[in-house]
Amino acid sequence: MDKRERKTKSLSRNALASGLQTGTRLVCALVTYPYLARILRVDQLGQYDFAATVVSWAALVAGLGIYTYGVREGAKKRDNPEELSRFASEVLVINLASTLLAYLGLAACLLFSSKLRGYGPLIWTLSTSIIFTTLGCEWLYAVHEEYGYLALRNICFQILSLFLLLTYVKDEGDLLLYAWTTVIASAGANLVNFIRLRRYCSWSLTWRFSWQKHLLPILVLFANALVNLLYVSADVAQLGVMTSDYYTGLYSVASKVTALLKQLLGAVIVVTVPRLACLYGQKGGGFFVKLARQIGDLLLTLALPASCALFILGEEVVVLTADLDFAPAAGAMKLLGLTLVFSLLAWFYMAAVLVPARQEKAALLAISLASVVNVGLNFLLIPAFKEKGAALATLLADIVTCLACYFLAKRPTRILPSGKKLLASLLGCFYVYLVCQAALAQELGPAATVGLAALLAIPGYFVILYLCGNRIWLEFKHGSRQE
């Protein structure tokens, strides 16, 4: 009994720490991006995002599937320090080898691609974080459930990065300085990790071990991560190659705003995945499906009004978060606002349903299908519609992901939302639509329009839910306490 109580308390603390970390990241991003939009040009932000996308591919090669593999396998060895130290040493050597391979591949790409050579200084600056990520061994801290330390560490370095940005990035010539401020946050945090590693294991560099034992499961997880990154980064990469930095910059503004909202609304997924996995493993499908359906209903209840508001107030949100120069991104913002609902549902289905229910192959197949659709539609739509084409491709691909997850899932885990709760949310969205249109008609300016709409729409929406009998938040709180 005591053990169970400690476990529950630990989960609560970890959830709180994760929430604080996410909240700090969101606040820093909301301060950073409007500031950058006023300091740097649209095409410069496009250059940064294109370079960051290239580096993310190198980071994927360096990381392989080692984080997930390390957490999964290391947790089994946590109570045996000698075995864990040997395991950590072997995994670190594999990670160093993959990191070297990633840097060699990055150098080859810059050598043979004239397009990439123009981004050379920016790419090499951002790639500095790769080696520090490898040395940081964050998976080892996750094995020991050091989420409080990880949150405190990340918050401190995020604040330091923001301070450096506001202090040193002052004009259009400071794009490279901006890149260094982002690298310092990542590199510094992982350097602290590396210094503290000896507290958790006695690692050593050794090349004499069975590589095959680790590589096969690592490569399977790498394939999953590869397809997921292709899906996420294809839009910016294809825009950068097929158009110009200007359109990449426009799309980046819209995508970052919706990404922030997705992180905020999707926090419930991150917190409940461990509980879902526990329910599925210990009590079977009935308890699992009940809680999963409550999570899905809660996500729809939160995502639908946010999506509706973004679609109507797209231009005002763009100008408020960036600058008047970015107003042409409003079309992409409206489409990505609609995408928010399907993106959250796809994330929920893969992370909170398929993976805990041990249907990883179905999740991989679904994201693979969606990636093919996304890349193919980008080739068709971007030449004619630029950033709007990329946003439309993302919307259609996310719809495909949701459908694929549903039909590829085994029958007991094919979860649909409650019709009654969905109807109440749609009725509330009609109210949100009327409020946003009324706020636009006042012609108050972006900040006042968005503020007025939020002030009237949010409480009104939840009053409508209450009157319609939608008590999903109370149901979720009760369901999440099941053991």
Protein backbone atom coordinates (compact mmCIF):
# COMPACT_ATOMS: atom_id res chain seq x y z
CA MET A 1 0.00 0.00 0.00
CA ASP A 2 2.76 2.44 0.89
CA LYS A 3 4.60 1.54 -2.27
CA ARG A 4 1.54 2.27 -4.35
CA GLU A 5 1.02 5.61 -2.63
CA ARG A 6 4.64 6.59 -3.23
CA LYS A 7 4.26 5.64 -6.87
CA THR A 8 1.14 7.78 -7.24
CA LYS A 9 2.78 10.71 -5.47
CA SER A 10 5.85 10.38 -7.68
CA LEU A 11 3.67 10.43 -10.78
CA SER A 12 1.97 13.61 -9.56
CA ARG A 13 5.30 15.33 -8.92
CA ASN A 14 6.62 14.29 -12.31
CA ALA A 15 3.47 15.57 -14.01
CA LEU A 16 3.79 18.89 -12.18
CA ALA A 17 7.47 19.18 -13.14
CA SER A 18 6.68 18.40 -16.77
CA GLY A 19 3.87 20.96 -16.77
CA LEU A 20 6.12 23.69 -15.35
CA GLN A 21 8.76 22.93 -17.96
CA THR A 22 6.23 23.06 -20.80
CA GLY A 23 4.71 26.26 -19.45
CA THR A 24 8.11 27.95 -19.23
CA ARG A 25 8.93 26.90 -22.78
CA LEU A 26 5.63 28.32 -24.02
CA VAL A 27 6.14 31.64 -22.22
CA CYS A 28 9.69 31.95 -23.57
CA ALA A 29 8.47 31.18 -27.07
CA LEU A 30 5.68 33.76 -26.83
CA VAL A 31 8.28 36.37 -25.85
CA THR A 32 10.94 35.22 -28.32
CA TYR A 33 9.06 34.96 -31.58
CA PRO A 34 7.35 38.37 -31.62
CA TYR A 35 10.72 39.93 -30.67
CA LEU A 36 12.52 38.11 -33.48
CA ALA A 37 9.78 38.97 -35.96
CA ARG A 38 10.43 42.66 -35.30
CA ILE A 39 14.24 42.36 -35.39
CA LEU A 40 14.87 39.90 -38.23
CA ARG A 41 13.40 39.85 -41.73
CA VAL A 42 10.89 37.25 -42.89
CA ASP A 43 13.47 35.63 -45.18
CA GLN A 44 16.01 35.44 -42.33
CA LEU A 45 13.58 33.53 -40.14
CA GLY A 46 13.01 31.29 -43.13
CA GLN A 47 16.77 30.70 -43.38
CA TYR A 48 16.94 29.78 -39.71
CA ASP A 49 14.02 27.35 -39.90
CA PHE A 50 15.40 25.70 -43.04
CA ALA A 51 18.83 25.27 -41.43
CA ALA A 52 17.23 23.95 -38.24
CA THR A 53 15.29 21.40 -40.29
CA VAL A 54 18.50 20.17 -41.93
CA VAL A 55 20.18 19.86 -38.53
CA SER A 56 17.17 17.99 -37.14
CA TRP A 57 17.77 15.26 -39.71
CA ALA A 58 21.41 14.97 -38.65
CA ALA A 59 20.29 14.88 -35.02
CA LEU A 60 17.91 12.05 -35.86
CA VAL A 61 20.77 9.98 -37.30
CA ALA A 62 22.91 10.76 -34.26
CA GLY A 63 20.15 9.81 -31.85
CA LEU A 64 18.92 6.71 -33.71
CA GLY A 65 16.25 5.26 -31.41
CA ILE A 66 18.59 5.37 -28.44
CA TYR A 67 16.52 7.55 -26.09
CA THR A 68 13.47 5.27 -26.25
CA TYR A 69 15.61 2.13 -26.18
CA GLY A 70 17.69 3.41 -23.28
CA VAL A 71 14.66 4.28 -21.17
CA ARG A 72 12.89 1.00 -21.92
CA GLU A 73 15.84 -1.32 -21.32
CA GLY A 74 17.63 0.77 -18.69
CA ALA A 75 14.58 0.81 -16.43
CA LYS A 76 14.86 -2.99 -16.12
CA LYS A 77 18.44 -2.62 -14.85
CA ARG A 78 17.92 0.36 -12.54
CA ASP A 79 18.22 -1.70 -9.35
CA ASN A 80 21.47 -3.33 -10.50
CA PRO A 81 24.13 -0.56 -10.64
CA GLU A 82 26.80 -2.78 -12.18
CA GLU A 83 24.55 -4.01 -14.97
CA LEU A 84 23.18 -0.51 -15.59
CA SER A 85 26.72 0.93 -15.80
CA ARG A 86 27.73 -1.68 -18.37
CA PHE A 87 24.55 -1.06 -20.37
CA ALA A 88 25.03 2.74 -20.25
CA SER A 89 28.65 2.44 -21.41
CA GLU A 90 27.68 0.29 -24.39
CA VAL A 91 24.80 2.53 -25.40
CA LEU A 92 26.95 5.66 -25.07
CA VAL A 93 29.59 4.16 -27.40
CA ILE A 94 26.91 3.31 -29.98
CA ASN A 95 25.56 6.85 -29.66
CA LEU A 96 29.02 8.37 -30.15
CA ALA A 97 29.49 6.25 -33.28
CA SER A 98 26.12 7.34 -34.70
CA THR A 99 26.95 10.97 -33.86
CA LEU A 100 30.21 10.73 -35.82
CA LEU A 101 28.27 9.24 -38.73
CA ALA A 102 25.75 12.11 -38.55
CA TYR A 103 28.48 14.77 -38.70
CA LEU A 104 30.15 13.01 -41.66
CA GLY A 105 26.81 12.89 -43.47
CA LEU A 106 26.18 16.56 -42.73
CA ALA A 107 29.63 17.49 -44.07
CA ALA A 108 29.00 15.47 -47.24
CA CYS A 109 25.65 17.21 -47.82
CA LEU A 110 27.25 20.65 -47.45
CA LEU A 111 30.11 19.64 -49.75
CA PHE A 112 27.93 18.39 -52.60
CA SER A 113 24.88 20.68 -52.34
CA SER A 114 25.29 24.28 -53.49
CA LYS A 115 21.91 25.10 -51.92
CA LEU A 116 23.03 23.92 -48.47
CA ARG A 117 26.46 25.55 -48.69
CA GLY A 118 24.79 28.95 -48.50
CA TYR A 119 23.47 27.96 -45.08
CA GLY A 120 26.82 26.52 -43.92
CA PRO A 121 27.63 28.82 -40.96
CA LEU A 122 24.07 28.57 -39.65
CA ILE A 123 23.94 24.78 -40.02
CA TRP A 124 27.31 24.20 -38.32
CA THR A 125 26.35 26.51 -35.46
CA LEU A 126 23.06 24.73 -34.82
CA SER A 127 24.67 21.31 -35.21
CA THR A 128 26.90 22.00 -32.19
CA SER A 129 24.01 20.88 -30.00
CA ILE A 130 24.13 17.34 -31.45
CA ILE A 131 27.33 16.22 -29.71
CA PHE A 132 26.20 17.75 -26.41
CA THR A 133 22.88 15.91 -26.66
CA THR A 134 24.78 12.64 -27.08
CA LEU A 135 27.02 13.32 -24.09
CA GLY A 136 24.06 14.44 -21.96
CA CYS A 137 22.53 10.92 -21.87
CA GLU A 138 19.15 12.32 -20.87
CA TRP A 139 17.63 8.85 -21.17
CA LEU A 140 19.63 7.80 -18.09
CA TYR A 141 17.99 10.55 -16.02
CA ALA A 142 14.59 9.40 -17.29
CA VAL A 143 15.44 5.85 -16.16
CA HIS A 144 15.94 7.19 -12.63
CA GLU A 145 12.80 9.38 -12.96
CA GLU A 146 14.74 12.58 -12.33
CA TYR A 147 12.02 14.71 -13.93
CA GLY A 148 12.24 17.38 -11.26
CA TYR A 149 15.94 17.89 -11.94
CA LEU A 150 15.38 17.85 -15.73
CA ALA A 151 12.62 20.45 -15.43
CA LEU A 152 14.69 22.75 -13.19
CA ARG A 153 17.70 22.40 -15.49
CA ASN A 154 15.70 23.17 -18.63
CA ILE A 155 13.89 26.12 -17.07
CA CYS A 156 17.18 27.72 -15.96
CA PHE A 157 18.79 27.39 -19.37
CA GLN A 158 15.65 28.54 -21.19
CA ILE A 159 15.68 31.72 -19.11
CA LEU A 160 19.41 32.16 -19.77
CA SER A 161 18.84 31.72 -23.51
CA LEU A 162 16.05 34.30 -23.45
CA PHE A 163 18.26 36.77 -21.55
CA LEU A 164 21.09 36.35 -24.09
CA LEU A 165 18.65 36.77 -26.97
CA LEU A 166 17.20 40.03 -25.63
CA THR A 167 20.69 41.32 -24.76
CA TYR A 168 22.68 40.53 -27.90
CA VAL A 169 20.26 40.08 -30.83
CA LYS A 170 19.51 43.67 -31.79
CA ASP A 171 19.40 43.98 -35.60
CA GLU A 172 19.21 42.10 -38.91
CA GLY A 173 22.89 41.18 -38.80
CA ASP A 174 22.49 39.07 -35.65
CA LEU A 175 20.95 35.93 -37.15
CA LEU A 176 24.01 33.84 -36.27
CA LEU A 177 23.98 35.24 -32.72
CA TYR A 178 20.37 34.12 -32.40
CA ALA A 179 21.43 30.62 -33.45
CA TRP A 180 24.11 30.61 -30.75
CA THR A 181 21.59 31.62 -28.07
CA THR A 182 19.48 28.57 -28.91
CA VAL A 183 22.55 26.30 -28.93
CA ILE A 184 23.67 27.56 -25.51
CA ALA A 185 20.37 26.46 -23.94
CA SER A 186 20.66 22.92 -25.30
CA ALA A 187 24.43 22.52 -24.95
CA GLY A 188 24.54 23.97 -21.44
CA ALA A 189 21.76 21.75 -20.17
CA ASN A 190 23.38 18.62 -21.58
CA LEU A 191 26.83 19.62 -20.31
CA VAL A 192 25.41 19.71 -16.78
CA ASN A 193 23.95 16.26 -17.44
CA PHE A 194 27.33 14.93 -18.50
CA ILE A 195 29.06 16.31 -15.41
CA ARG A 196 26.51 14.58 -13.14
CA LEU A 197 26.51 11.20 -14.92
CA ARG A 198 28.79 9.54 -12.37
CA ARG A 199 26.04 9.87 -9.78
CA TYR A 200 23.97 7.32 -11.67
CA CYS A 201 26.48 4.96 -13.29
CA SER A 202 30.20 4.21 -13.56
CA TRP A 203 30.44 4.48 -17.33
CA SER A 204 33.54 3.81 -19.41
CA LEU A 205 34.31 3.79 -23.13
CA THR A 206 34.67 0.27 -24.43
CA TRP A 207 34.26 -1.05 -27.96
CA ARG A 208 34.31 -4.75 -27.06
CA PHE A 209 30.71 -5.82 -26.62
CA SER A 210 27.92 -7.37 -28.66
CA TRP A 211 26.78 -4.51 -30.89
CA GLN A 212 24.17 -6.73 -32.54
CA LYS A 213 22.30 -7.18 -29.27
CA HIS A 214 21.55 -3.45 -29.13
CA LEU A 215 21.46 -2.42 -32.79
CA LEU A 216 18.45 -4.42 -33.95
CA PRO A 217 15.90 -2.95 -31.49
CA ILE A 218 17.54 0.47 -31.78
CA LEU A 219 17.14 0.46 -35.57
CA VAL A 220 13.48 -0.53 -35.32
CA LEU A 221 12.84 2.45 -33.07
CA PHE A 222 14.95 4.62 -35.38
CA ALA A 223 12.67 3.73 -38.30
CA ASN A 224 9.69 4.96 -36.30
CA ALA A 225 11.45 8.22 -35.39
CA LEU A 226 12.62 8.69 -38.99
CA VAL A 227 9.13 8.48 -40.44
CA ASN A 228 7.77 10.78 -37.74
CA LEU A 229 10.40 13.45 -38.41
CA LEU A 230 9.79 13.18 -42.15
CA TYR A 231 6.14 13.85 -41.48
CA VAL A 232 6.78 16.81 -39.17
CA SER A 233 9.57 18.55 -41.10
CA ALA A 234 8.57 17.86 -44.71
CA ASP A 235 6.62 21.13 -45.06
CA VAL A 236 9.47 23.47 -44.12
CA ALA A 237 12.06 21.42 -46.01
CA GLN A 238 10.00 21.29 -49.23
CA LEU A 239 9.07 24.96 -48.97
CA GLY A 240 12.75 25.83 -48.57
CA VAL A 241 13.74 23.83 -51.63
CA MET A 242 10.76 24.58 -53.89
CA THR A 243 10.15 28.26 -53.07
CA SER A 244 12.09 30.95 -51.19
CA ASP A 245 13.00 31.84 -47.62
CA TYR A 246 10.15 34.37 -47.62
CA TYR A 247 7.42 31.74 -47.92
CA THR A 248 9.24 29.46 -45.50
CA GLY A 249 9.22 32.31 -42.98
CA LEU A 250 5.50 32.91 -43.45
CA TYR A 251 4.70 29.25 -42.92
CA SER A 252 6.97 29.07 -39.88
CA VAL A 253 5.03 31.80 -38.08
CA ALA A 254 1.73 30.00 -38.57
CA SER A 255 3.11 26.56 -37.75
CA LYS A 256 4.85 27.72 -34.56
CA VAL A 257 1.69 29.30 -33.17
CA THR A 258 -0.33 26.14 -33.78
CA ALA A 259 2.55 24.01 -32.42
CA LEU A 260 2.47 26.00 -29.17
CA LEU A 261 -1.27 25.45 -28.85
CA LYS A 262 -0.83 21.76 -29.63
CA GLN A 263 1.77 21.43 -26.85
CA LEU A 264 -0.47 23.25 -24.41
CA LEU A 265 -3.64 21.30 -25.18
CA GLY A 266 -1.79 18.02 -25.62
CA ALA A 267 -0.20 18.12 -22.16
CA VAL A 268 -3.02 15.86 -21.00
CA ILE A 269 -1.72 13.17 -23.39
CA VAL A 270 1.81 13.29 -21.97
CA VAL A 271 0.56 13.05 -18.39
CA THR A 272 -1.84 10.14 -18.94
CA VAL A 273 0.17 7.84 -21.23
CA PRO A 274 1.92 6.06 -18.30
CA ARG A 275 -1.43 5.54 -16.53
CA LEU A 276 -2.96 4.14 -19.73
CA ALA A 277 -0.07 1.73 -20.21
CA CYS A 278 -0.46 0.59 -16.60
CA LEU A 279 -4.22 0.07 -16.96
CA TYR A 280 -3.82 -1.92 -20.17
CA GLY A 281 -1.14 -4.15 -18.70
CA GLN A 282 -2.74 -4.77 -15.29
CA LYS A 283 -6.51 -4.48 -15.63
CA GLY A 284 -7.14 -5.14 -19.31
CA GLY A 285 -8.96 -3.40 -22.12
CA GLY A 286 -12.13 -2.26 -20.36
CA PHE A 287 -10.51 0.19 -17.94
CA PHE A 288 -8.05 1.28 -20.63
CA VAL A 289 -10.76 2.07 -23.20
CA LYS A 290 -12.87 3.96 -20.65
CA LEU A 291 -10.04 6.31 -19.65
CA ALA A 292 -8.79 6.65 -23.24
CA ARG A 293 -12.26 7.68 -24.42
CA GLN A 294 -12.42 10.31 -21.67
CA ILE A 295 -9.07 11.70 -22.81
CA GLY A 296 -10.28 11.81 -26.42
CA ASP A 297 -13.48 13.60 -25.40
CA LEU A 298 -11.49 16.10 -23.33
CA LEU A 299 -9.11 16.80 -26.22
CA LEU A 300 -11.99 17.43 -28.61
CA THR A 301 -13.70 19.66 -26.06
CA LEU A 302 -10.56 21.83 -25.81
CA ALA A 303 -9.38 21.67 -29.43
CA LEU A 304 -12.60 22.48 -31.28
CA PRO A 305 -13.09 26.06 -29.93
CA ALA A 306 -9.36 26.81 -30.28
CA SER A 307 -9.47 25.63 -33.89
CA CYS A 308 -12.59 27.68 -34.58
CA ALA A 309 -11.05 30.84 -33.11
CA LEU A 310 -7.79 30.41 -35.06
CA PHE A 311 -9.71 29.97 -38.30
CA ILE A 312 -11.68 33.19 -37.79
CA LEU A 313 -8.96 35.34 -36.18
CA GLY A 314 -6.04 33.97 -38.20
CA GLU A 315 -4.76 37.33 -39.45
CA GLU A 316 -5.10 39.02 -36.05
CA VAL A 317 -3.20 36.21 -34.33
CA VAL A 318 -0.40 36.37 -36.92
CA VAL A 319 0.04 40.13 -36.58
CA LEU A 320 -0.17 39.91 -32.78
CA THR A 321 2.44 37.16 -32.44
CA ALA A 322 4.75 38.38 -35.21
CA ASP A 323 4.37 41.64 -37.10
CA LEU A 324 2.33 43.32 -39.85
CA ASP A 325 4.93 42.10 -42.38
CA PHE A 326 3.78 38.55 -41.64
CA ALA A 327 0.09 39.26 -42.35
CA PRO A 328 0.21 37.17 -45.59
CA ALA A 329 0.65 34.11 -43.33
CA ALA A 330 -3.02 34.43 -42.31
CA GLY A 331 -4.17 31.93 -44.95
CA ALA A 332 -1.77 29.28 -43.67
CA MET A 333 -2.78 30.10 -40.09
CA LYS A 334 -6.47 29.50 -40.85
CA LEU A 335 -5.75 26.11 -42.44
CA LEU A 336 -3.38 25.05 -39.66
CA GLY A 337 -6.03 26.15 -37.17
CA LEU A 338 -8.35 23.52 -38.65
CA THR A 339 -5.45 21.06 -38.57
CA LEU A 340 -5.14 21.47 -34.79
CA VAL A 341 -8.11 19.19 -34.11
CA PHE A 342 -6.92 16.35 -36.33
CA SER A 343 -3.29 16.75 -35.26
CA LEU A 344 -4.21 16.36 -31.59
CA LEU A 345 -6.45 13.39 -32.32
CA ALA A 346 -3.69 11.70 -34.33
CA TRP A 347 -1.20 12.29 -31.50
CA PHE A 348 -3.71 10.94 -29.00
CA TYR A 349 -4.42 7.83 -31.03
CA MET A 350 -0.77 6.96 -31.60
CA ALA A 351 0.72 7.92 -28.22
CA ALA A 352 -2.18 7.18 -25.88
CA VAL A 353 -3.96 4.29 -27.62
CA LEU A 354 -1.83 2.30 -30.04
CA VAL A 355 1.53 2.40 -28.23
CA PRO A 356 0.21 1.55 -24.72
CA ALA A 357 -1.92 -1.19 -26.30
CA ARG A 358 1.24 -2.66 -27.87
CA GLN A 359 0.19 -1.84 -31.42
CA GLU A 360 3.38 0.03 -32.43
CA LYS A 361 3.33 -1.52 -35.90
CA ALA A 362 -0.09 -0.03 -36.55
CA ALA A 363 1.18 3.38 -35.40
CA LEU A 364 4.23 3.09 -37.67
CA LEU A 365 2.08 2.11 -40.65
CA ALA A 366 -0.33 5.00 -40.02
CA ILE A 367 2.40 7.65 -39.78
CA SER A 368 4.17 6.16 -42.82
CA LEU A 369 1.00 6.42 -44.90
CA ALA A 370 0.42 10.00 -43.72
CA SER A 371 4.03 10.95 -44.54
CA VAL A 372 3.66 9.70 -48.11
CA VAL A 373 0.42 11.66 -48.47
CA ASN A 374 1.98 14.81 -46.97
CA VAL A 375 5.10 14.76 -49.16
CA GLY A 376 3.10 13.94 -52.28
CA LEU A 377 0.55 16.70 -51.69
CA ASN A 378 3.35 19.18 -50.96
CA PHE A 379 4.83 18.49 -54.40
CA LEU A 380 1.42 19.13 -55.96
CA LEU A 381 0.25 22.12 -53.90
CA ILE A 382 3.36 24.15 -52.97
CA PRO A 383 4.25 25.31 -56.52
CA ALA A 384 0.80 26.86 -56.95
CA PHE A 385 -0.19 27.90 -53.42
CA LYS A 386 3.18 28.30 -51.60
CA GLU A 387 2.75 28.31 -47.79
CA LYS A 388 -1.02 27.81 -48.09
CA GLY A 389 -0.39 24.67 -50.13
CA ALA A 390 1.88 23.28 -47.41
CA ALA A 391 -0.77 24.03 -44.76
CA LEU A 392 -3.50 22.34 -46.82
CA ALA A 393 -1.27 19.29 -47.34
CA THR A 394 -0.74 19.08 -43.57
CA LEU A 395 -4.48 19.28 -42.92
CA LEU A 396 -5.27 16.47 -45.35
CA ALA A 397 -2.37 14.33 -44.08
CA ASP A 398 -3.53 14.69 -40.46
CA ILE A 399 -7.02 13.59 -41.46
CA VAL A 400 -5.46 10.54 -43.14
CA THR A 401 -3.49 9.83 -39.94
CA CYS A 402 -6.64 9.85 -37.82
CA LEU A 403 -8.50 7.55 -40.20
CA ALA A 404 -5.51 5.20 -40.54
CA CYS A 405 -5.04 4.96 -36.77
CA TYR A 406 -8.71 4.13 -36.30
CA PHE A 407 -8.97 1.46 -38.99
CA LEU A 408 -5.55 -0.10 -38.30
CA ALA A 409 -6.24 -0.41 -34.57
CA LYS A 410 -7.59 -3.69 -33.25
CA ARG A 411 -11.34 -3.59 -32.69
CA PRO A 412 -11.31 -3.23 -28.87
CA THR A 413 -9.18 -0.07 -29.19
CA ARG A 414 -11.16 1.62 -31.98
CA ILE A 415 -12.24 4.59 -29.91
CA LEU A 416 -14.81 7.13 -31.08
CA PRO A 417 -15.84 10.34 -29.25
CA SER A 418 -19.10 10.61 -27.38
CA GLY A 419 -21.77 11.93 -29.76
CA LYS A 420 -23.52 13.90 -27.01
CA LYS A 421 -20.32 15.63 -25.88
CA LEU A 422 -19.31 16.33 -29.48
CA LEU A 423 -22.68 17.94 -30.17
CA ALA A 424 -22.32 20.16 -27.08
CA SER A 425 -18.84 21.23 -28.21
CA LEU A 426 -20.08 22.06 -31.72
CA LEU A 427 -22.89 24.15 -30.24
CA GLY A 428 -20.29 25.96 -28.13
CA CYS A 429 -18.15 26.50 -31.24
CA PHE A 430 -21.09 28.23 -32.93
CA TYR A 431 -21.13 30.66 -30.00
CA VAL A 432 -17.33 31.13 -30.34
CA TYR A 433 -17.83 31.86 -34.05
CA LEU A 434 -20.43 34.57 -33.32
CA VAL A 435 -18.25 36.18 -30.63
CA CYS A 436 -15.16 36.26 -32.87
CA GLN A 437 -17.11 37.78 -35.75
CA ALA A 438 -18.57 40.41 -33.41
CA ALA A 439 -15.08 41.24 -32.10
CA LEU A 440 -13.78 41.62 -35.67
CA ALA A 441 -16.63 43.99 -36.50
CA GLN A 442 -15.46 46.41 -33.79
CA GLU A 443 -12.16 47.05 -35.67
CA LEU A 444 -10.20 47.43 -32.43
CA GLY A 445 -6.82 46.21 -33.67
CA PRO A 446 -5.24 42.75 -33.35
CA ALA A 447 -4.49 42.72 -29.60
CA ALA A 448 -7.83 44.16 -28.50
CA THR A 449 -9.77 41.97 -30.94
CA VAL A 450 -8.14 38.75 -29.75
CA GLY A 451 -8.42 39.82 -26.10
CA LEU A 452 -12.11 40.73 -26.38
CA ALA A 453 -12.92 37.51 -28.21
CA ALA A 454 -11.12 35.42 -25.59
CA LEU A 455 -12.75 37.29 -22.71
CA LEU A 456 -16.25 36.60 -24.03
CA ALA A 457 -15.81 33.29 -25.83
CA ILE A 458 -13.99 31.17 -23.22
CA PRO A 459 -16.44 31.50 -20.28
CA GLY A 460 -19.43 31.42 -22.62
CA TYR A 461 -18.22 28.22 -24.26
CA PHE A 462 -17.87 26.41 -20.93
CA VAL A 463 -21.26 27.67 -19.75
CA ILE A 464 -22.82 26.14 -22.87
CA LEU A 465 -21.01 22.86 -22.19
CA TYR A 466 -22.33 22.85 -18.63
CA LEU A 467 -25.90 23.58 -19.73
CA CYS A 468 -25.67 20.79 -22.31
CA GLY A 469 -24.52 18.29 -19.67
CA ASN A 470 -20.90 18.00 -20.80
CA ARG A 471 -18.98 17.32 -17.56
CA ILE A 472 -15.95 15.83 -19.27
CA TRP A 473 -13.37 17.48 -17.01
CA LEU A 474 -14.95 16.01 -13.86
CA GLU A 475 -15.28 12.62 -15.56
CA PHE A 476 -11.64 12.74 -16.60
CA LYS A 477 -10.46 13.58 -13.07
CA HIS A 478 -12.47 10.69 -11.67
CA GLY A 479 -11.34 8.26 -14.38
CA SER A 480 -7.67 9.16 -14.05
CA ARG A 481 -7.73 8.03 -10.40
CA GLN A 482 -8.58 4.44 -11.35
CA GLU A 483 -5.93 1.95 -10.28
